[in-house]
N, C-alpha and C. Protein backbone atom coordinates (compact mmCIF):
# COMPACT_ATOMS: atom_id res chain seq x y z
N MET A 1 41.04 -18.88 -2.17
CA MET A 1 39.75 -18.19 -2.37
C MET A 1 39.18 -17.17 -1.29
N GLY A 2 40.14 -17.02 -0.17
CA GLY A 2 39.37 -16.52 1.11
C GLY A 2 39.27 -14.92 0.48
N GLN A 3 41.22 -14.69 0.04
CA GLN A 3 41.74 -14.14 -0.36
C GLN A 3 41.36 -12.83 -1.41
N THR A 4 40.86 -13.72 -2.83
CA THR A 4 40.01 -13.54 -3.41
C THR A 4 38.76 -12.65 -3.05
N LYS A 5 38.20 -13.23 -2.15
CA LYS A 5 36.65 -12.45 -1.61
C LYS A 5 37.19 -11.43 -1.01
N LEU A 6 38.37 -11.15 -0.07
CA LEU A 6 38.42 -10.13 0.31
C LEU A 6 38.91 -9.00 -0.14
N ASN A 7 39.87 -9.44 -1.50
CA ASN A 7 39.93 -8.48 -2.66
C ASN A 7 39.37 -8.01 -3.19
N ASP A 8 38.17 -8.55 -3.37
CA ASP A 8 36.90 -8.08 -3.61
C ASP A 8 36.25 -7.52 -3.29
N PHE A 9 35.94 -7.43 -2.14
CA PHE A 9 35.42 -6.48 -1.09
C PHE A 9 36.11 -5.24 -1.33
N PHE A 10 37.12 -5.39 -0.97
CA PHE A 10 38.00 -3.94 -1.13
C PHE A 10 37.77 -2.88 -1.93
N GLN A 11 37.65 -3.74 -3.20
CA GLN A 11 37.07 -3.38 -4.65
C GLN A 11 36.07 -2.76 -4.65
N VAL A 12 35.29 -3.26 -3.81
CA VAL A 12 33.86 -2.75 -4.01
C VAL A 12 33.17 -1.39 -2.92
N ILE A 13 34.68 -1.79 -1.86
CA ILE A 13 33.97 -0.42 -0.74
C ILE A 13 34.85 0.97 -1.19
N SER A 14 36.13 0.58 -2.09
CA SER A 14 36.79 1.77 -2.58
C SER A 14 36.81 2.11 -4.01
N LYS A 15 35.27 2.00 -4.11
CA LYS A 15 34.74 3.18 -5.69
C LYS A 15 34.10 4.30 -4.93
N PRO A 16 34.19 4.93 -5.75
CA PRO A 16 34.27 6.45 -5.11
C PRO A 16 32.49 6.40 -5.00
N GLY A 17 31.85 6.98 -4.53
CA GLY A 17 30.02 7.10 -4.39
C GLY A 17 29.60 7.61 -5.58
N LYS A 18 27.94 7.80 -5.09
CA LYS A 18 27.34 8.74 -6.38
C LYS A 18 26.10 8.89 -5.29
N ILE A 19 25.69 9.97 -5.98
CA ILE A 19 23.93 10.31 -5.22
C ILE A 19 23.39 9.75 -6.03
N ILE A 20 22.26 9.28 -5.46
CA ILE A 20 21.00 8.72 -5.86
C ILE A 20 20.15 9.26 -5.35
N GLU A 21 18.84 9.41 -6.41
CA GLU A 21 17.91 10.53 -6.10
C GLU A 21 16.82 9.38 -6.03
N TYR A 22 15.56 9.19 -4.99
CA TYR A 22 14.34 8.58 -5.57
C TYR A 22 13.12 9.44 -5.09
N SER A 23 11.78 9.78 -5.54
CA SER A 23 10.85 10.28 -4.58
C SER A 23 10.16 8.70 -4.56
N LEU A 24 9.67 8.67 -2.85
CA LEU A 24 8.77 8.07 -2.53
C LEU A 24 7.76 7.35 -3.54
N CYS A 25 7.09 8.44 -3.72
CA CYS A 25 6.03 7.67 -5.45
C CYS A 25 6.25 8.43 -6.37
N GLN A 26 6.22 7.71 -7.52
CA GLN A 26 6.45 8.34 -8.90
C GLN A 26 4.45 9.15 -8.81
N LYS A 27 5.24 10.67 -9.54
CA LYS A 27 4.33 11.91 -9.88
C LYS A 27 3.24 11.98 -8.80
N ARG A 28 3.28 11.67 -7.63
CA ARG A 28 2.43 11.49 -6.30
C ARG A 28 2.06 13.26 -6.12
N HIS A 29 3.17 13.79 -7.06
CA HIS A 29 3.04 15.41 -6.53
C HIS A 29 3.42 16.18 -7.37
N SER A 30 3.56 17.00 -7.38
CA SER A 30 4.19 18.48 -8.32
C SER A 30 6.15 17.45 -8.67
N THR A 31 6.58 17.79 -10.17
CA THR A 31 7.96 17.84 -10.36
C THR A 31 8.57 18.29 -9.13
N ILE A 32 9.38 17.18 -9.10
CA ILE A 32 10.81 17.46 -7.99
C ILE A 32 12.04 17.61 -8.78
N THR A 33 12.82 18.66 -8.31
CA THR A 33 14.27 19.28 -8.90
C THR A 33 14.98 18.96 -7.93
N GLY A 34 16.02 17.59 -8.33
CA GLY A 34 16.52 17.03 -7.33
C GLY A 34 17.99 18.24 -6.91
N ILE A 35 19.15 17.47 -6.49
CA ILE A 35 20.38 18.00 -6.05
C ILE A 35 21.33 19.01 -7.58
N TYR A 36 21.10 18.21 -8.28
CA TYR A 36 21.72 18.54 -9.64
C TYR A 36 20.72 19.28 -10.16
N ASP A 37 19.92 19.97 -9.81
CA ASP A 37 18.59 20.62 -10.33
C ASP A 37 18.10 19.96 -11.65
N LEU A 38 18.12 19.25 -11.57
CA LEU A 38 17.48 17.84 -12.50
C LEU A 38 16.36 17.11 -12.05
N GLU A 39 15.21 17.25 -13.20
CA GLU A 39 13.49 16.33 -12.43
C GLU A 39 14.31 14.95 -12.16
N VAL A 40 13.93 14.91 -10.55
CA VAL A 40 14.39 13.49 -10.05
C VAL A 40 12.80 12.58 -11.06
N THR A 41 13.69 11.06 -11.60
CA THR A 41 12.55 10.78 -12.24
C THR A 41 12.19 9.07 -12.21
N GLU A 42 13.61 8.64 -10.70
CA GLU A 42 13.23 7.24 -9.75
C GLU A 42 12.10 7.31 -8.79
N SER A 43 11.75 6.27 -8.54
CA SER A 43 10.88 6.30 -7.53
C SER A 43 10.90 5.19 -6.88
N LEU A 44 10.94 5.26 -5.74
CA LEU A 44 10.50 3.67 -4.89
C LEU A 44 9.24 2.71 -5.31
N PHE A 45 7.90 3.67 -5.15
CA PHE A 45 6.99 3.00 -5.94
C PHE A 45 6.37 3.90 -6.95
N PRO A 46 5.34 3.28 -7.40
CA PRO A 46 4.64 3.62 -8.86
C PRO A 46 3.33 4.71 -8.15
N ALA A 47 3.09 5.42 -9.14
CA ALA A 47 1.94 6.62 -8.61
C ALA A 47 1.01 5.17 -7.63
N THR A 48 0.83 4.48 -8.63
CA THR A 48 -0.51 3.81 -7.72
C THR A 48 0.12 2.45 -6.90
N VAL A 49 -0.42 2.54 -6.00
CA VAL A 49 0.29 0.96 -5.37
C VAL A 49 -1.19 0.40 -5.12
N GLU A 50 -1.27 -0.95 -6.23
CA GLU A 50 -2.39 -2.32 -5.77
C GLU A 50 -3.13 -2.44 -4.36
N HIS A 51 -1.91 -3.13 -3.73
CA HIS A 51 -2.30 -3.26 -2.44
C HIS A 51 -1.71 -2.58 -1.37
N ILE A 52 -2.30 -1.21 -1.26
CA ILE A 52 -1.88 -0.63 -0.23
C ILE A 52 -1.38 -0.75 1.36
N PHE A 53 -2.09 -2.06 1.77
CA PHE A 53 -2.06 -2.06 3.46
C PHE A 53 -0.64 -3.39 3.75
N ASP A 54 -0.55 -3.97 2.55
CA ASP A 54 0.84 -5.04 2.08
C ASP A 54 2.15 -4.50 2.33
N LEU A 55 1.58 -4.37 3.94
CA LEU A 55 3.43 -3.73 4.29
C LEU A 55 4.61 -4.22 3.99
N GLU A 56 4.58 -5.75 4.13
CA GLU A 56 5.63 -6.46 4.37
C GLU A 56 6.36 -6.16 2.78
N GLN A 57 5.45 -6.46 1.59
CA GLN A 57 5.84 -6.17 0.25
C GLN A 57 6.36 -5.34 0.50
N HIS A 58 6.16 -3.95 0.81
CA HIS A 58 6.22 -2.80 0.17
C HIS A 58 8.09 -2.63 1.23
N VAL A 59 7.95 -3.10 1.90
CA VAL A 59 9.65 -3.40 2.96
C VAL A 59 10.41 -4.43 2.11
N LYS A 60 10.03 -4.77 0.84
CA LYS A 60 10.87 -5.76 0.11
C LYS A 60 10.52 -5.12 -1.33
N THR A 61 10.21 -4.38 -1.51
CA THR A 61 10.20 -3.52 -2.42
C THR A 61 11.57 -2.19 -2.62
N ILE A 62 11.11 -1.80 -1.15
CA ILE A 62 12.36 -0.66 -1.16
C ILE A 62 13.65 -1.73 -0.46
N ASP A 63 13.64 -2.28 -0.47
CA ASP A 63 14.89 -3.59 0.13
C ASP A 63 15.28 -3.97 -1.51
N GLU A 64 14.68 -4.65 -2.34
CA GLU A 64 15.39 -4.48 -3.80
C GLU A 64 15.85 -3.57 -4.47
N LYS A 65 15.49 -2.29 -4.04
CA LYS A 65 15.67 -1.44 -4.88
C LYS A 65 16.99 -0.54 -4.31
N LEU A 66 16.98 -0.60 -2.76
CA LEU A 66 18.25 0.13 -2.15
C LEU A 66 19.57 -1.32 -2.32
N ALA A 67 19.05 -2.30 -1.96
CA ALA A 67 20.11 -3.27 -1.94
C ALA A 67 21.59 -3.13 -2.78
N LYS A 68 20.95 -2.71 -4.10
CA LYS A 68 22.33 -2.30 -4.83
C LYS A 68 23.10 -1.18 -4.88
N CYS A 69 22.39 -0.60 -3.67
CA CYS A 69 23.30 1.00 -3.30
C CYS A 69 24.72 0.73 -2.18
N SER A 70 25.80 0.84 -2.76
CA SER A 70 27.28 0.81 -1.59
C SER A 70 27.23 1.62 -0.67
N LYS A 71 28.14 1.10 0.40
CA LYS A 71 28.08 2.34 1.55
C LYS A 71 28.83 3.45 0.89
N GLN A 72 29.16 4.09 -0.11
CA GLN A 72 29.64 5.22 -0.40
C GLN A 72 28.98 5.93 -0.84
N ASP A 73 27.24 5.65 -1.32
CA ASP A 73 26.86 6.15 -1.92
C ASP A 73 26.05 7.23 -0.93
N VAL A 74 25.56 8.08 -1.23
CA VAL A 74 24.21 8.88 -0.49
C VAL A 74 22.43 9.02 -1.14
N VAL A 75 21.80 8.31 -0.59
CA VAL A 75 20.66 7.89 -1.19
C VAL A 75 19.63 9.23 -0.75
N ILE A 76 19.36 10.01 -1.40
CA ILE A 76 18.12 11.04 -1.20
C ILE A 76 16.45 10.61 -1.28
N ILE A 77 15.73 10.21 -0.59
CA ILE A 77 14.29 9.82 -0.24
C ILE A 77 13.72 11.21 -0.36
N TYR A 78 12.79 11.75 -1.57
CA TYR A 78 12.06 12.53 -1.40
C TYR A 78 10.61 12.14 -0.92
N LEU A 79 10.47 12.26 0.65
CA LEU A 79 8.83 11.42 0.49
C LEU A 79 7.79 12.27 0.46
N THR A 80 7.89 12.03 -0.36
CA THR A 80 5.90 12.50 -1.40
C THR A 80 5.25 10.99 -1.59
N GLY A 81 4.04 10.78 -1.11
CA GLY A 81 3.53 9.94 -1.19
C GLY A 81 2.50 9.23 -0.52
N LEU A 82 2.46 8.74 -0.21
CA LEU A 82 1.28 7.69 0.54
C LEU A 82 1.90 7.56 2.43
N THR A 83 1.50 7.68 3.25
CA THR A 83 1.99 7.84 4.91
C THR A 83 2.46 5.91 4.91
N ILE A 84 1.59 5.50 4.58
CA ILE A 84 1.94 4.05 4.84
C ILE A 84 3.17 3.52 4.02
N LEU A 85 3.33 3.98 2.72
CA LEU A 85 4.81 3.82 2.02
C LEU A 85 6.09 4.26 3.03
N THR A 86 5.76 5.66 3.51
CA THR A 86 6.87 6.05 4.47
C THR A 86 6.85 5.03 6.03
N GLN A 87 5.83 4.71 6.14
CA GLN A 87 5.94 3.72 7.27
C GLN A 87 6.71 2.50 7.20
N ALA A 88 6.89 2.04 5.68
CA ALA A 88 7.30 0.91 5.12
C ALA A 88 8.62 1.23 5.18
N PHE A 89 9.49 2.18 4.19
CA PHE A 89 10.67 2.74 4.77
C PHE A 89 10.90 2.94 5.77
N TYR A 90 10.22 3.47 7.20
CA TYR A 90 10.86 3.80 8.02
C TYR A 90 11.40 1.99 9.10
N ILE A 91 10.29 0.81 8.94
CA ILE A 91 10.75 -0.23 8.74
C ILE A 91 11.76 -1.07 8.59
N TRP A 92 11.67 -0.33 7.05
CA TRP A 92 12.96 -1.60 6.27
C TRP A 92 14.19 -0.69 7.03
N LEU A 93 14.19 0.66 7.21
CA LEU A 93 15.83 1.52 8.04
C LEU A 93 16.13 0.66 9.21
N LEU A 94 14.82 0.53 9.70
CA LEU A 94 15.33 -0.09 11.07
C LEU A 94 15.68 -1.73 10.95
N SER A 95 15.45 -2.38 9.90
CA SER A 95 15.43 -3.87 9.75
C SER A 95 17.14 -3.75 9.37
N ILE A 96 17.71 -2.99 8.70
CA ILE A 96 18.86 -2.95 8.43
C ILE A 96 19.80 -2.65 9.66
N ILE A 97 19.83 -1.79 10.17
CA ILE A 97 20.07 -1.35 11.12
C ILE A 97 20.22 -2.45 12.21
N GLU A 98 19.38 -3.13 12.34
CA GLU A 98 19.25 -4.21 13.42
C GLU A 98 20.26 -5.41 12.91
N GLN A 99 19.96 -5.75 11.51
CA GLN A 99 20.96 -6.70 11.01
C GLN A 99 22.03 -6.34 10.62
N ALA A 100 22.71 -4.98 11.16
CA ALA A 100 24.12 -4.73 10.52
C ALA A 100 24.41 -4.69 9.67
N ARG A 101 23.54 -4.55 8.38
CA ARG A 101 24.04 -4.62 7.41
C ARG A 101 24.31 -3.54 6.37
N ILE A 102 25.64 -3.58 5.45
CA ILE A 102 26.22 -2.05 4.80
C ILE A 102 25.21 -1.56 4.26
N GLN A 103 25.09 -0.02 4.26
CA GLN A 103 24.03 0.57 3.65
C GLN A 103 24.54 1.96 3.43
N PRO A 104 23.75 2.53 2.81
CA PRO A 104 24.52 3.88 2.17
C PRO A 104 23.77 4.89 3.06
N LYS A 105 24.60 6.13 3.13
CA LYS A 105 24.12 7.18 3.86
C LYS A 105 22.62 7.32 3.43
N ILE A 106 21.37 7.71 4.04
CA ILE A 106 20.37 8.04 3.69
C ILE A 106 20.13 9.23 3.87
N ILE A 107 19.46 10.49 3.52
CA ILE A 107 19.17 11.67 3.48
C ILE A 107 17.21 11.81 3.04
N LEU A 108 16.59 11.79 4.23
CA LEU A 108 15.41 12.01 3.54
C LEU A 108 14.95 13.73 3.39
N GLY A 109 14.28 13.96 2.30
CA GLY A 109 14.24 14.91 1.58
C GLY A 109 12.38 15.86 2.15
N HIS A 110 12.29 16.51 3.14
CA HIS A 110 11.06 16.99 3.10
C HIS A 110 10.58 18.29 2.50
N TYR A 111 9.55 17.94 2.20
CA TYR A 111 8.93 19.33 1.47
C TYR A 111 8.22 20.87 2.03
N ASP A 112 8.63 21.91 2.60
CA ASP A 112 8.19 22.92 3.41
C ASP A 112 7.77 23.47 2.07
N ARG A 113 6.22 23.71 2.55
CA ARG A 113 5.53 24.34 1.63
C ARG A 113 5.91 26.11 1.88
N ALA A 114 5.67 26.08 3.12
CA ALA A 114 6.16 27.87 3.09
C ALA A 114 7.29 28.30 2.18
N GLU A 115 8.95 27.82 2.11
CA GLU A 115 9.34 28.21 1.54
C GLU A 115 9.67 27.72 -0.01
N SER A 116 8.64 26.72 -0.14
CA SER A 116 8.45 25.91 -1.89
C SER A 116 9.85 25.42 -1.83
N LYS A 117 10.61 24.48 -1.16
CA LYS A 117 11.53 23.79 -1.41
C LYS A 117 11.51 22.74 -0.27
N PHE A 118 12.36 21.59 -0.57
CA PHE A 118 12.87 20.68 0.37
C PHE A 118 13.72 21.01 1.30
N ARG A 119 13.82 20.19 2.23
CA ARG A 119 14.70 20.23 3.10
C ARG A 119 14.81 18.78 3.42
N PHE A 120 16.46 18.71 4.04
CA PHE A 120 17.06 17.65 4.02
C PHE A 120 17.85 17.04 4.92
N TYR A 121 17.59 15.73 5.50
CA TYR A 121 17.81 15.23 7.35
C TYR A 121 17.92 14.10 7.01
N ASP A 122 19.42 14.15 7.78
CA ASP A 122 20.03 12.60 7.99
C ASP A 122 18.94 11.59 8.66
N SER A 123 18.79 10.10 7.72
CA SER A 123 17.79 9.33 8.31
C SER A 123 18.45 8.78 9.67
N LEU A 124 19.41 8.87 9.90
CA LEU A 124 19.47 8.22 11.75
C LEU A 124 19.70 9.38 12.60
N SER A 125 20.26 10.39 12.26
CA SER A 125 20.85 11.28 13.32
C SER A 125 19.77 12.24 13.39
N GLY A 126 18.93 13.18 12.35
CA GLY A 126 18.73 14.19 11.92
C GLY A 126 18.90 14.71 12.17
N HIS A 127 20.75 14.88 11.09
CA HIS A 127 21.24 16.03 11.16
C HIS A 127 20.69 16.81 9.50
N THR A 128 20.92 18.28 9.91
CA THR A 128 19.77 18.89 8.85
C THR A 128 21.44 19.04 7.77
N TYR A 129 21.18 19.28 6.48
CA TYR A 129 22.29 18.82 5.32
C TYR A 129 21.57 20.44 4.43
N GLN A 130 22.04 21.77 4.12
CA GLN A 130 21.92 22.14 2.92
C GLN A 130 22.16 21.51 1.52
N LYS A 131 21.75 21.86 0.97
CA LYS A 131 21.16 21.35 -0.25
C LYS A 131 22.71 20.72 -1.27
N SER A 132 23.79 22.25 -1.06
CA SER A 132 25.30 22.20 -1.23
C SER A 132 26.07 21.39 -0.69
N GLU A 133 25.71 20.96 0.42
CA GLU A 133 26.43 20.06 1.49
C GLU A 133 26.33 18.65 0.76
N ILE A 134 25.58 18.52 0.49
CA ILE A 134 24.78 17.02 0.27
C ILE A 134 25.79 16.65 -0.65
N THR A 135 26.43 17.12 -1.97
CA THR A 135 27.48 16.72 -3.00
C THR A 135 28.69 16.00 -2.32
N ALA A 136 29.17 17.13 -1.33
CA ALA A 136 30.44 16.90 -1.16
C ALA A 136 30.90 16.07 0.07
N LEU A 137 29.36 15.13 0.08
CA LEU A 137 29.32 13.71 1.14
C LEU A 137 30.09 12.44 0.35
N ILE A 138 30.27 13.09 -1.54
CA ILE A 138 30.94 11.61 -1.97
C ILE A 138 31.44 11.99 -2.54
N ASP A 139 32.65 13.13 -2.28
CA ASP A 139 33.79 13.25 -2.50
C ASP A 139 34.65 12.53 -2.05
């Protein structure tokens, strides 16, 4: 039984990764064009959040959506939306680090109004990525 679980684990971690893109809030701002020049349609939160100050529930919502991602994946979060939801994302990120849970690489997209484009930063190190560099992370 132990060997089967170990084999299952290695099958999971040997799968190729994928790029997964989420906006923080659904349609809070104009259309977001993602890494592959397609519209980002998935969001961590809906456009309207009922209980805005329920940080605990926001963290659970993020965990439920991102827990299915593998360590080989690259998850891009476009930080558009409500500030409190950004804080919930930060709390979630700290919790998975503290718990030493396997996590995908998480890159945060910040909109640069002056250049009318997103800038990409590694969520843990702050390393800057060009849009073209992100796809190479899953090869």
